[in-house]
Protein backbone atom coordinates (compact mmCIF):
# COMPACT_ATOMS: atom_id res chain seq x y z
CA MET A 1 142.65 159.14 128.16
CA ILE A 2 140.16 158.45 124.65
CA ARG A 3 141.42 155.20 123.16
CA LYS A 4 140.16 152.60 120.85
CA TYR A 5 137.06 150.35 122.27
CA GLU A 6 138.36 146.69 123.37
CA GLU A 7 135.77 144.00 123.81
CA LYS A 8 136.55 144.00 127.16
CA ASP A 9 135.19 147.18 127.58
CA ILE A 10 131.53 145.88 126.68
CA ASP A 11 130.27 145.29 130.47
CA GLU A 12 131.40 148.51 131.46
CA LEU A 13 129.92 150.35 127.95
CA ILE A 14 126.63 149.27 128.44
CA LYS A 15 126.64 150.10 132.20
CA VAL A 16 127.39 154.04 130.97
CA TRP A 17 125.00 154.23 128.08
CA TYR A 18 122.45 152.82 130.58
CA HIS A 19 122.66 154.61 133.42
CA ALA A 20 123.22 157.89 131.28
CA SER A 21 120.33 156.84 128.23
CA LYS A 22 117.99 156.52 131.61
CA PHE A 23 118.56 159.85 133.08
CA ALA A 24 118.67 161.45 129.75
CA HIS A 25 115.50 159.94 128.47
CA HIS A 26 113.46 159.56 131.42
CA PHE A 27 109.94 159.80 129.06
CA LEU A 28 111.22 156.09 127.58
CA ASN A 29 109.74 152.87 129.08
CA GLU A 30 112.24 149.92 129.95
CA ASP A 31 111.24 147.87 127.01
CA PHE A 32 112.78 150.27 124.83
CA PHE A 33 115.98 150.13 127.00
CA GLU A 34 115.78 146.35 126.84
CA ARG A 35 115.21 146.07 123.10
CA GLU A 36 118.15 148.79 122.56
CA ARG A 37 120.38 146.81 125.36
CA LYS A 38 120.43 143.83 122.34
CA LYS A 39 121.80 146.49 119.72
CA PHE A 40 125.11 146.25 121.67
CA THR A 41 125.94 142.69 119.68
CA HIS A 42 124.18 143.35 116.49
CA PRO A 43 126.22 142.71 113.48
CA ASN A 44 126.13 146.57 112.70
CA LEU A 45 128.28 147.21 115.24
CA GLN A 46 131.29 145.51 113.37
CA ARG A 47 130.70 148.90 110.91
CA THR A 48 131.36 151.29 113.59
CA GLU A 49 133.88 152.72 115.35
CA THR A 50 133.96 153.33 119.33
CA LEU A 51 136.35 155.44 121.07
CA VAL A 52 136.03 154.93 125.09
CA TYR A 53 137.15 157.81 127.59
CA GLU A 54 138.94 155.92 130.56
CA LYS A 55 139.62 157.60 133.97
CA ASP A 56 141.46 155.41 136.62
CA ASN A 57 140.98 152.17 134.55
CA LYS A 58 137.04 152.75 134.14
CA VAL A 59 135.29 153.65 130.88
CA VAL A 60 133.58 156.76 132.04
CA GLY A 61 132.31 157.76 128.73
CA PHE A 62 132.00 156.84 124.72
CA ILE A 63 131.35 157.60 121.10
CA THR A 64 130.55 155.11 118.14
CA LEU A 65 130.35 156.70 114.78
CA MET A 66 129.00 154.87 111.95
CA ASP A 67 130.79 157.04 109.07
CA GLU A 68 129.68 160.94 110.02
CA LEU A 69 126.87 159.56 112.06
CA VAL A 70 127.52 159.70 115.77
CA TYR A 71 125.09 156.22 116.49
CA ALA A 72 125.73 156.45 120.24
CA PHE A 73 127.44 159.42 122.73
CA PHE A 74 127.09 158.68 126.44
CA VAL A 75 128.79 160.25 129.67
CA ASP A 76 128.27 158.68 133.02
CA ILE A 77 126.07 160.58 134.68
CA ASP A 78 128.38 161.00 137.83
CA PHE A 79 131.07 162.51 135.21
CA GLN A 80 129.08 164.77 132.80
CA HIS A 81 130.07 168.61 133.00
CA SER A 82 133.50 167.45 133.39
CA GLY A 83 134.98 168.17 130.08
CA ILE A 84 134.89 164.55 129.03
CA GLY A 85 131.85 164.73 126.53
CA ARG A 86 133.84 167.56 124.69
CA ALA A 87 136.58 165.65 124.48
CA LEU A 88 135.06 162.87 122.75
CA MET A 89 133.11 164.95 120.47
CA ASP A 90 136.29 167.40 119.52
CA TYR A 91 138.33 164.07 119.09
CA ALA A 92 135.45 162.67 116.36
CA LYS A 93 135.32 165.94 114.76
CA SER A 94 139.08 165.73 114.07
CA ILE A 95 138.52 161.95 112.21
CA ARG A 96 135.36 163.01 110.25
CA PRO A 97 134.41 165.95 107.34
CA PHE A 98 131.23 166.62 109.32
CA LEU A 99 129.09 164.79 111.91
CA GLU A 100 125.45 164.27 111.72
CA LEU A 101 123.43 162.46 114.98
CA TYR A 102 119.63 161.87 116.07
CA VAL A 103 118.43 163.04 119.53
CA PHE A 104 115.09 163.00 121.21
CA LYS A 105 113.61 166.58 121.16
CA ASP A 106 112.71 165.67 124.97
CA ASN A 107 116.32 164.97 125.65
CA GLU A 108 117.06 168.40 127.37
CA ILE A 109 120.47 167.48 128.64
CA GLY A 110 121.91 166.01 124.81
CA ARG A 111 120.36 169.01 123.35
CA THR A 112 121.62 171.74 125.41
CA PHE A 113 124.95 170.04 124.92
CA TYR A 114 124.78 169.69 121.31
CA ASP A 115 123.66 173.48 121.15
CA LYS A 116 126.81 174.60 122.87
CA PHE A 117 128.61 172.42 120.48
CA GLY A 118 127.32 174.07 117.28
CA PHE A 119 125.44 171.53 115.95
CA ILE A 120 122.25 172.79 113.45
CA GLU A 121 118.86 170.92 113.41
CA LEU A 122 118.20 169.52 109.78
CA SER A 123 114.82 167.81 110.30
CA GLU A 124 112.07 166.60 112.58
CA HIS A 125 110.36 163.41 112.93
CA PRO A 126 108.72 160.63 114.96
CA HIS A 127 110.86 157.99 115.81
CA ASP A 128 109.36 154.61 114.25
CA GLU A 129 109.94 152.65 117.53
CA THR A 130 108.75 155.02 120.17
CA GLY A 131 106.59 157.82 118.60
CA PHE A 132 108.56 160.36 120.58
CA THR A 133 110.12 163.31 118.25
CA GLN A 134 113.57 162.81 117.15
CA LEU A 135 115.53 165.82 115.53
CA LYS A 136 118.20 165.08 112.89
CA LEU A 137 121.58 167.40 113.72
CA LYS A 138 124.38 168.19 112.07
CA LEU A 139 128.06 169.73 112.57
CA LYS A 140 129.41 171.30 109.96
CA LEU A 141 133.37 171.53 110.71
CA THR A 142 135.45 174.66 109.41
CA TYR A 143 139.10 174.56 108.85
């Protein structure tokens, strides 16, 4: 079930993010993950809309939107390839006129999902913090 994020979800949300992020971003070091973890309490998150996918009373995936930017999108590694990511992305595209996101070029898991979903590459540039190449992708919605 997809529902709006509630404060009580924060620990499960961080757990999903950490394990899925480490799995997809095996090329990044632990310092990066520690810096990113702190962003979950950053004031910018007050301007976002986070939707969680709950299964058996447990958060197993989430998507965070900042306007049309997919700010974060992660599914627990034990629940990947089960339709949860597609359900979250379908919901996001139903409430936005278009979607954009950034993904590391070396994140083969994410890139495969986004390619299948229909995102197209707009640009390529180095990520400020890590130097790894990041791609900007866009999904234009058709009605």
